[in-house]
Amino acid sequence: MEIIMSILAGVLFTAGVYNLLQKQMLRIIIGTALISHGAHLFILTMGELKTGAPPILDYDIENYTDPLPQALILTSIVISFGVTSLLLVLAYRASKENGTDNMEKLRGNEND
């Protein structure tokens, strides 16, 4: 199961980097979101995907799931949604002010 999750995270990272290298702001924002979701999968995979009892410590239970990766991922998801929404607002405002979302034109290169 960890191998499938690692491959899926790698695909997300690859698609995210591909979108980051594009000229349109929306694709850059999508690339940022894909990379953050790939990081979430890596954190979840590093915590070992195992099944067991709920993460409640009791003296009778020996196999339980570690709650720390899930807590880290929940915090990371909230932060990534905040960053994505901030980037969307900034991109919308910049495209309204300048009339384009092409990064080359925003930099002042009129050739592209």
Protein backbone atom coordinates (compact mmCIF):
# COMPACT_ATOMS: atom_id res chain seq x y z
CA MET A 1 0.00 0.00 0.00
CA GLU A 2 2.88 2.35 0.76
CA ILE A 3 4.30 1.83 -2.74
CA ILE A 4 1.02 2.85 -4.38
CA MET A 5 0.80 5.93 -2.17
CA SER A 6 4.41 6.86 -2.98
CA ILE A 7 3.78 6.51 -6.70
CA LEU A 8 0.61 8.62 -6.42
CA ALA A 9 2.50 11.29 -4.46
CA GLY A 10 5.22 11.27 -7.10
CA VAL A 11 2.63 11.73 -9.85
CA LEU A 12 1.14 14.65 -7.93
CA PHE A 13 4.60 16.22 -7.51
CA THR A 14 5.34 15.75 -11.21
CA ALA A 15 2.06 17.30 -12.32
CA GLY A 16 2.54 20.11 -9.81
CA VAL A 17 6.04 20.98 -11.02
CA TYR A 18 4.83 20.84 -14.65
CA ASN A 19 2.06 23.31 -13.83
CA LEU A 20 4.44 25.56 -11.87
CA LEU A 21 6.57 25.99 -14.99
CA GLN A 22 3.66 27.33 -17.09
CA LYS A 23 2.97 30.99 -17.88
CA GLN A 24 -0.63 31.28 -16.70
CA MET A 25 -1.21 32.21 -13.06
CA LEU A 26 -4.09 29.76 -12.61
CA ARG A 27 -1.90 26.83 -13.67
CA ILE A 28 0.78 27.97 -11.22
CA ILE A 29 -1.79 28.01 -8.42
CA ILE A 30 -3.02 24.54 -9.40
CA GLY A 31 0.59 23.33 -9.38
CA THR A 32 1.08 24.70 -5.89
CA ALA A 33 -2.05 22.89 -4.68
CA LEU A 34 -0.96 19.61 -6.30
CA ILE A 35 2.45 19.77 -4.66
CA SER A 36 0.87 20.40 -1.26
CA HIS A 37 -1.42 17.39 -1.70
CA GLY A 38 1.59 15.29 -2.72
CA ALA A 39 3.27 16.36 0.50
CA HIS A 40 0.19 15.28 2.45
CA LEU A 41 0.39 11.82 0.92
CA PHE A 42 4.10 11.58 1.71
CA ILE A 43 3.46 12.50 5.36
CA LEU A 44 0.67 9.93 5.55
CA THR A 45 2.89 7.27 3.99
CA MET A 46 5.77 8.05 6.34
CA GLY A 47 3.43 7.38 9.27
CA GLU A 48 3.02 3.83 7.96
CA LEU A 49 -0.34 2.77 6.66
CA LYS A 50 -1.48 0.22 9.15
CA THR A 51 -4.78 -0.82 10.47
CA GLY A 52 -5.49 -1.43 14.07
CA ALA A 53 -7.46 -0.23 16.98
CA PRO A 54 -8.39 3.42 17.44
CA PRO A 55 -5.60 5.68 18.73
CA ILE A 56 -6.67 5.38 22.32
CA LEU A 57 -4.00 4.23 24.71
CA ASP A 58 -5.14 1.48 26.95
CA TYR A 59 -3.22 -1.22 28.63
CA ASP A 60 -5.16 -3.98 26.86
CA ILE A 61 -4.53 -2.68 23.30
CA GLU A 62 -1.11 -3.31 21.80
CA ASN A 63 -1.78 -2.44 18.15
CA TYR A 64 -3.05 1.07 17.62
CA THR A 65 -2.77 3.61 14.84
CA ASP A 66 -0.42 6.50 15.41
CA PRO A 67 -2.52 9.71 15.47
CA LEU A 68 0.41 12.09 14.91
CA PRO A 69 0.54 11.85 11.05
CA GLN A 70 -3.20 12.44 10.81
CA ALA A 71 -2.94 15.50 13.06
CA LEU A 72 -0.04 16.87 11.01
CA ILE A 73 -1.93 16.31 7.76
CA LEU A 74 -5.07 18.02 9.04
CA THR A 75 -3.02 21.07 9.99
CA SER A 76 -1.25 20.99 6.64
CA ILE A 77 -4.55 20.74 4.75
CA VAL A 78 -5.88 23.82 6.49
CA ILE A 79 -2.70 25.75 5.73
CA SER A 80 -2.68 24.66 2.07
CA PHE A 81 -6.32 25.70 1.59
CA GLY A 82 -5.50 29.09 3.10
CA VAL A 83 -2.49 29.54 0.83
CA THR A 84 -4.47 28.44 -2.23
CA SER A 85 -7.31 30.84 -1.49
CA LEU A 86 -4.83 33.69 -0.93
CA LEU A 87 -3.11 32.93 -4.24
CA LEU A 88 -6.47 32.80 -6.04
CA VAL A 89 -7.46 36.20 -4.66
CA LEU A 90 -4.10 37.72 -5.57
CA ALA A 91 -4.23 36.24 -9.08
CA TYR A 92 -7.78 37.49 -9.62
CA ARG A 93 -6.85 40.98 -8.46
CA ALA A 94 -3.69 41.07 -10.58
CA SER A 95 -5.55 39.88 -13.68
CA LYS A 96 -8.29 42.49 -13.15
CA GLU A 97 -5.74 45.29 -12.74
CA ASN A 98 -3.51 44.29 -15.64
CA GLY A 99 -5.98 42.62 -18.00
CA THR A 100 -3.93 39.44 -18.37
CA ASP A 101 -2.87 36.40 -16.40
CA ASN A 102 0.22 35.67 -18.51
CA MET A 103 3.32 35.93 -16.34
CA GLU A 104 5.53 37.12 -19.20
CA LYS A 105 3.21 40.04 -19.93
CA LEU A 106 2.99 40.87 -16.25
CA ARG A 107 6.79 41.03 -16.17
CA GLY A 108 6.75 43.52 -19.05
CA ASN A 109 7.80 41.22 -21.88
CA GLU A 110 5.34 42.05 -24.66
CA ASN A 111 6.81 39.50 -27.12
CA ASP A 112 4.91 36.52 -25.63
